[in-house]
Amino acid sequence: MNMREAGATIIILHHSNKDGKNYQGSNNIRNSIDCMYRLNKRPSGDDEINFLLDVQKERAGINDCAFCVKTESLELREMDFDIACMNEYELEFVDKVKKSLSMRKDGLNKTELLEATGHKKDDKTARDTLDKFTDKFWKAKKQGNRYIYSLN
């Protein structure tokens, strides 16, 4: 506490219990810190390790973030948080959209694109997912009163 009050930056690494769900240890540590993250490993490729830092406590306006470490060079790079957190549905959806758009160089409107991926045009989850990953995997350009999607 004296070090913190004197302006020191203190970094502490601590582990959770065996099932990984709960932080355990002295409450003095948690009460004394300004920022606390939970590190979560994410699916990774053969030559990289991906992980998320989920904010557990913040007094400094910090945000969740994601990183990738290249195992050969130990290069650390920040990842897009939405991409790092993709679930199975989103991974599958993105793959279908990219395949559909790769077949049509002139692009597809939203209805055509949703139908090409096996979704109905009123499927709210599919529409929200399409919007969530626009400008990350594909782009949308307004033409008249509709959007035309194409690969980046």
C-alpha atoms as a PDB file:
ATOM      1  CA  MET A   1       0.000   0.000   0.000  1.00  0.00           C
ATOM      2  CA  ASN A   2       2.842   2.404   0.809  1.00  0.00           C
ATOM      3  CA  MET A   3       4.433   1.812  -2.595  1.00  0.00           C
ATOM      4  CA  ARG A   4       1.145   2.375  -4.384  1.00  0.00           C
ATOM      5  CA  GLU A   5       0.449   5.548  -2.461  1.00  0.00           C
ATOM      6  CA  ALA A   6       3.933   6.764  -3.426  1.00  0.00           C
ATOM      7  CA  GLY A   7       2.979   6.391  -7.130  1.00  0.00           C
ATOM      8  CA  ALA A   8       4.632   3.087  -7.967  1.00  0.00           C
ATOM      9  CA  THR A   9       3.282   0.838 -10.722  1.00  0.00           C
ATOM     10  CA  ILE A  10       2.987  -2.661  -9.377  1.00  0.00           C
ATOM     11  CA  ILE A  11       2.320  -5.651 -11.597  1.00  0.00           C
ATOM     12  CA  ILE A  12       1.166  -8.840  -9.925  1.00  0.00           C
ATOM     13  CA  LEU A  13       0.514 -12.158 -11.620  1.00  0.00           C
ATOM     14  CA  HIS A  14      -1.791 -14.466  -9.733  1.00  0.00           C
ATOM     15  CA  HIS A  15      -3.597 -17.642 -10.622  1.00  0.00           C
ATOM     16  CA  SER A  16      -7.224 -18.620 -10.210  1.00  0.00           C
ATOM     17  CA  ASN A  17      -8.477 -21.773  -8.562  1.00  0.00           C
ATOM     18  CA  LYS A  18      -8.222 -25.115 -10.378  1.00  0.00           C
ATOM     19  CA  ASP A  19     -11.397 -24.738 -12.449  1.00  0.00           C
ATOM     20  CA  GLY A  20     -10.285 -21.250 -13.491  1.00  0.00           C
ATOM     21  CA  LYS A  21     -13.550 -19.575 -12.561  1.00  0.00           C
ATOM     22  CA  ASN A  22     -12.647 -17.660  -9.419  1.00  0.00           C
ATOM     23  CA  TYR A  23      -9.869 -15.375  -8.378  1.00  0.00           C
ATOM     24  CA  GLN A  24      -8.482 -16.588  -5.069  1.00  0.00           C
ATOM     25  CA  GLY A  25      -6.034 -14.985  -2.740  1.00  0.00           C
ATOM     26  CA  SER A  26      -5.774 -12.094  -0.402  1.00  0.00           C
ATOM     27  CA  ASN A  27      -8.505  -9.491  -0.740  1.00  0.00           C
ATOM     28  CA  ASN A  28      -5.794  -6.976   0.062  1.00  0.00           C
ATOM     29  CA  ILE A  29      -4.414  -7.538  -3.423  1.00  0.00           C
ATOM     30  CA  ARG A  30      -7.774  -6.999  -5.136  1.00  0.00           C
ATOM     31  CA  ASN A  31      -8.635  -4.017  -2.958  1.00  0.00           C
ATOM     32  CA  SER A  32      -5.274  -2.351  -3.552  1.00  0.00           C
ATOM     33  CA  ILE A  33      -5.090  -2.562  -7.322  1.00  0.00           C
ATOM     34  CA  ASP A  34      -6.522  -0.159  -9.862  1.00  0.00           C
ATOM     35  CA  CYS A  35      -6.834  -2.597 -12.748  1.00  0.00           C
ATOM     36  CA  MET A  36      -7.299  -6.344 -12.862  1.00  0.00           C
ATOM     37  CA  TYR A  37      -7.492  -8.561 -15.951  1.00  0.00           C
ATOM     38  CA  ARG A  38      -8.332 -12.225 -16.381  1.00  0.00           C
ATOM     39  CA  LEU A  39      -6.167 -13.887 -19.038  1.00  0.00           C
ATOM     40  CA  ASN A  40      -8.015 -16.368 -21.256  1.00  0.00           C
ATOM     41  CA  LYS A  41      -6.335 -18.445 -23.943  1.00  0.00           C
ATOM     42  CA  ARG A  42      -8.185 -18.581 -27.274  1.00  0.00           C
ATOM     43  CA  PRO A  43      -7.971 -21.039 -30.180  1.00  0.00           C
ATOM     44  CA  SER A  44      -4.657 -20.459 -31.938  1.00  0.00           C
ATOM     45  CA  GLY A  45      -2.732 -21.571 -35.003  1.00  0.00           C
ATOM     46  CA  ASP A  46       0.374 -23.752 -34.946  1.00  0.00           C
ATOM     47  CA  ASP A  47       2.758 -20.793 -34.888  1.00  0.00           C
ATOM     48  CA  GLU A  48       0.873 -18.454 -32.555  1.00  0.00           C
ATOM     49  CA  ILE A  49      -0.790 -18.131 -29.177  1.00  0.00           C
ATOM     50  CA  ASN A  50      -3.918 -15.997 -28.945  1.00  0.00           C
ATOM     51  CA  PHE A  51      -5.290 -14.676 -25.677  1.00  0.00           C
ATOM     52  CA  LEU A  52      -7.804 -12.219 -24.254  1.00  0.00           C
ATOM     53  CA  LEU A  53      -7.421  -9.913 -21.321  1.00  0.00           C
ATOM     54  CA  ASP A  54     -10.890  -9.509 -19.779  1.00  0.00           C
ATOM     55  CA  VAL A  55     -11.247  -6.580 -17.406  1.00  0.00           C
ATOM     56  CA  GLN A  56     -12.253  -7.785 -13.938  1.00  0.00           C
ATOM     57  CA  LYS A  57     -11.742  -4.511 -12.090  1.00  0.00           C
ATOM     58  CA  GLU A  58     -10.969  -1.075 -13.436  1.00  0.00           C
ATOM     59  CA  ARG A  59     -10.498   2.371 -12.048  1.00  0.00           C
ATOM     60  CA  ALA A  60      -8.684   3.776 -15.059  1.00  0.00           C
ATOM     61  CA  GLY A  61     -11.172   3.272 -17.899  1.00  0.00           C
ATOM     62  CA  ILE A  62      -9.415   0.262 -19.417  1.00  0.00           C
ATOM     63  CA  ASN A  63     -11.042  -2.037 -21.965  1.00  0.00           C
ATOM     64  CA  ASP A  64     -10.943  -5.733 -22.759  1.00  0.00           C
ATOM     65  CA  CYS A  65      -8.240  -6.469 -25.317  1.00  0.00           C
ATOM     66  CA  ALA A  66      -6.831  -9.348 -27.342  1.00  0.00           C
ATOM     67  CA  PHE A  67      -3.288 -10.230 -28.387  1.00  0.00           C
ATOM     68  CA  CYS A  68      -1.404 -12.721 -30.517  1.00  0.00           C
ATOM     69  CA  VAL A  69       2.136 -13.922 -29.839  1.00  0.00           C
ATOM     70  CA  LYS A  70       4.044 -15.388 -32.797  1.00  0.00           C
ATOM     71  CA  THR A  71       5.913 -18.333 -31.277  1.00  0.00           C
ATOM     72  CA  GLU A  72       8.948 -18.209 -33.580  1.00  0.00           C
ATOM     73  CA  SER A  73       9.747 -14.498 -33.240  1.00  0.00           C
ATOM     74  CA  LEU A  74       7.881 -13.737 -29.958  1.00  0.00           C
ATOM     75  CA  GLU A  75       6.291 -10.809 -31.777  1.00  0.00           C
ATOM     76  CA  LEU A  76       3.309  -9.465 -29.836  1.00  0.00           C
ATOM     77  CA  ARG A  77       0.502  -7.834 -31.778  1.00  0.00           C
ATOM     78  CA  GLU A  78      -2.914  -6.600 -30.787  1.00  0.00           C
ATOM     79  CA  MET A  79      -5.912  -8.361 -32.306  1.00  0.00           C
ATOM     80  CA  ASP A  80      -9.378  -7.056 -33.037  1.00  0.00           C
ATOM     81  CA  PHE A  81     -11.369  -7.997 -29.932  1.00  0.00           C
ATOM     82  CA  ASP A  82     -14.532  -8.986 -31.856  1.00  0.00           C
ATOM     83  CA  ILE A  83     -12.526 -11.319 -34.086  1.00  0.00           C
ATOM     84  CA  ALA A  84     -10.675 -12.847 -31.134  1.00  0.00           C
ATOM     85  CA  CYS A  85     -13.970 -13.577 -29.358  1.00  0.00           C
ATOM     86  CA  MET A  86     -15.751 -15.210 -32.303  1.00  0.00           C
ATOM     87  CA  ASN A  87     -17.903 -18.200 -31.366  1.00  0.00           C
ATOM     88  CA  GLU A  88     -18.578 -21.256 -33.560  1.00  0.00           C
ATOM     89  CA  TYR A  89     -21.683 -19.709 -35.151  1.00  0.00           C
ATOM     90  CA  GLU A  90     -19.763 -16.551 -36.094  1.00  0.00           C
ATOM     91  CA  LEU A  91     -16.768 -18.500 -37.456  1.00  0.00           C
ATOM     92  CA  GLU A  92     -19.084 -20.592 -39.650  1.00  0.00           C
ATOM     93  CA  PHE A  93     -21.112 -17.562 -40.730  1.00  0.00           C
ATOM     94  CA  VAL A  94     -18.016 -15.562 -41.721  1.00  0.00           C
ATOM     95  CA  ASP A  95     -16.670 -18.513 -43.697  1.00  0.00           C
ATOM     96  CA  LYS A  96     -19.982 -18.866 -45.615  1.00  0.00           C
ATOM     97  CA  VAL A  97     -20.158 -15.129 -46.353  1.00  0.00           C
ATOM     98  CA  LYS A  98     -16.558 -15.009 -47.597  1.00  0.00           C
ATOM     99  CA  LYS A  99     -17.169 -18.014 -49.870  1.00  0.00           C
ATOM    100  CA  SER A 100     -20.390 -16.492 -51.237  1.00  0.00           C
ATOM    101  CA  LEU A 101     -18.750 -13.118 -51.890  1.00  0.00           C
ATOM    102  CA  SER A 102     -15.694 -14.688 -53.537  1.00  0.00           C
ATOM    103  CA  MET A 103     -17.985 -16.177 -56.215  1.00  0.00           C
ATOM    104  CA  ARG A 104     -19.521 -12.805 -57.121  1.00  0.00           C
ATOM    105  CA  LYS A 105     -16.964 -10.100 -57.924  1.00  0.00           C
ATOM    106  CA  ASP A 106     -19.741  -7.531 -58.451  1.00  0.00           C
ATOM    107  CA  GLY A 107     -21.040  -8.131 -54.898  1.00  0.00           C
ATOM    108  CA  LEU A 108     -24.367  -9.184 -53.421  1.00  0.00           C
ATOM    109  CA  ASN A 109     -27.108  -7.228 -51.714  1.00  0.00           C
ATOM    110  CA  LYS A 110     -28.062  -8.163 -48.161  1.00  0.00           C
ATOM    111  CA  THR A 111     -30.992 -10.405 -49.124  1.00  0.00           C
ATOM    112  CA  GLU A 112     -28.973 -12.238 -51.771  1.00  0.00           C
ATOM    113  CA  LEU A 113     -26.051 -12.677 -49.434  1.00  0.00           C
ATOM    114  CA  LEU A 114     -28.163 -14.039 -46.589  1.00  0.00           C
ATOM    115  CA  GLU A 115     -29.906 -16.470 -48.960  1.00  0.00           C
ATOM    116  CA  ALA A 116     -26.529 -17.563 -50.389  1.00  0.00           C
ATOM    117  CA  THR A 117     -25.410 -18.469 -46.859  1.00  0.00           C
ATOM    118  CA  GLY A 118     -28.597 -20.415 -46.094  1.00  0.00           C
ATOM    119  CA  HIS A 119     -30.337 -17.746 -43.989  1.00  0.00           C
ATOM    120  CA  LYS A 120     -33.652 -16.014 -44.450  1.00  0.00           C
ATOM    121  CA  LYS A 121     -33.660 -12.240 -44.938  1.00  0.00           C
ATOM    122  CA  ASP A 122     -35.569 -11.755 -41.664  1.00  0.00           C
ATOM    123  CA  ASP A 123     -33.059 -13.788 -39.581  1.00  0.00           C
ATOM    124  CA  LYS A 124     -32.074 -11.140 -37.029  1.00  0.00           C
ATOM    125  CA  THR A 125     -29.053 -13.069 -35.732  1.00  0.00           C
ATOM    126  CA  ALA A 126     -27.631 -13.444 -39.241  1.00  0.00           C
ATOM    127  CA  ARG A 127     -28.289  -9.779 -40.047  1.00  0.00           C
ATOM    128  CA  ASP A 128     -26.624  -8.649 -36.803  1.00  0.00           C
ATOM    129  CA  THR A 129     -23.622 -10.900 -37.455  1.00  0.00           C
ATOM    130  CA  LEU A 130     -23.328  -9.552 -40.997  1.00  0.00           C
ATOM    131  CA  ASP A 131     -23.286  -5.995 -39.620  1.00  0.00           C
ATOM    132  CA  LYS A 132     -20.877  -6.876 -36.791  1.00  0.00           C
ATOM    133  CA  PHE A 133     -18.160  -8.061 -39.181  1.00  0.00           C
ATOM    134  CA  THR A 134     -18.661  -5.456 -41.913  1.00  0.00           C
ATOM    135  CA  ASP A 135     -15.360  -3.598 -42.446  1.00  0.00           C
ATOM    136  CA  LYS A 136     -13.506  -6.475 -40.763  1.00  0.00           C
ATOM    137  CA  PHE A 137     -13.941  -9.225 -43.368  1.00  0.00           C
ATOM    138  CA  TRP A 138     -16.068  -7.525 -46.054  1.00  0.00           C
ATOM    139  CA  LYS A 139     -17.297  -4.075 -46.959  1.00  0.00           C
ATOM    140  CA  ALA A 140     -20.742  -2.678 -47.678  1.00  0.00           C
ATOM    141  CA  LYS A 141     -21.467   0.161 -50.091  1.00  0.00           C
ATOM    142  CA  LYS A 142     -24.825   1.881 -50.257  1.00  0.00           C
ATOM    143  CA  GLN A 143     -26.293   1.870 -53.764  1.00  0.00           C
ATOM    144  CA  GLY A 144     -29.700   3.454 -53.932  1.00  0.00           C
ATOM    145  CA  ASN A 145     -31.750   2.128 -51.038  1.00  0.00           C
ATOM    146  CA  ARG A 146     -29.761  -1.075 -50.432  1.00  0.00           C
ATOM    147  CA  TYR A 147     -26.270  -2.187 -49.470  1.00  0.00           C
ATOM    148  CA  ILE A 148     -23.978  -4.173 -51.762  1.00  0.00           C
ATOM    149  CA  TYR A 149     -21.452  -6.387 -49.991  1.00  0.00           C
ATOM    150  CA  SER A 150     -18.041  -7.363 -51.364  1.00  0.00           C
ATOM    151  CA  LEU A 151     -14.777  -8.710 -49.974  1.00  0.00           C
ATOM    152  CA  ASN A 152     -12.209  -6.220 -48.627  1.00  0.00           C
END
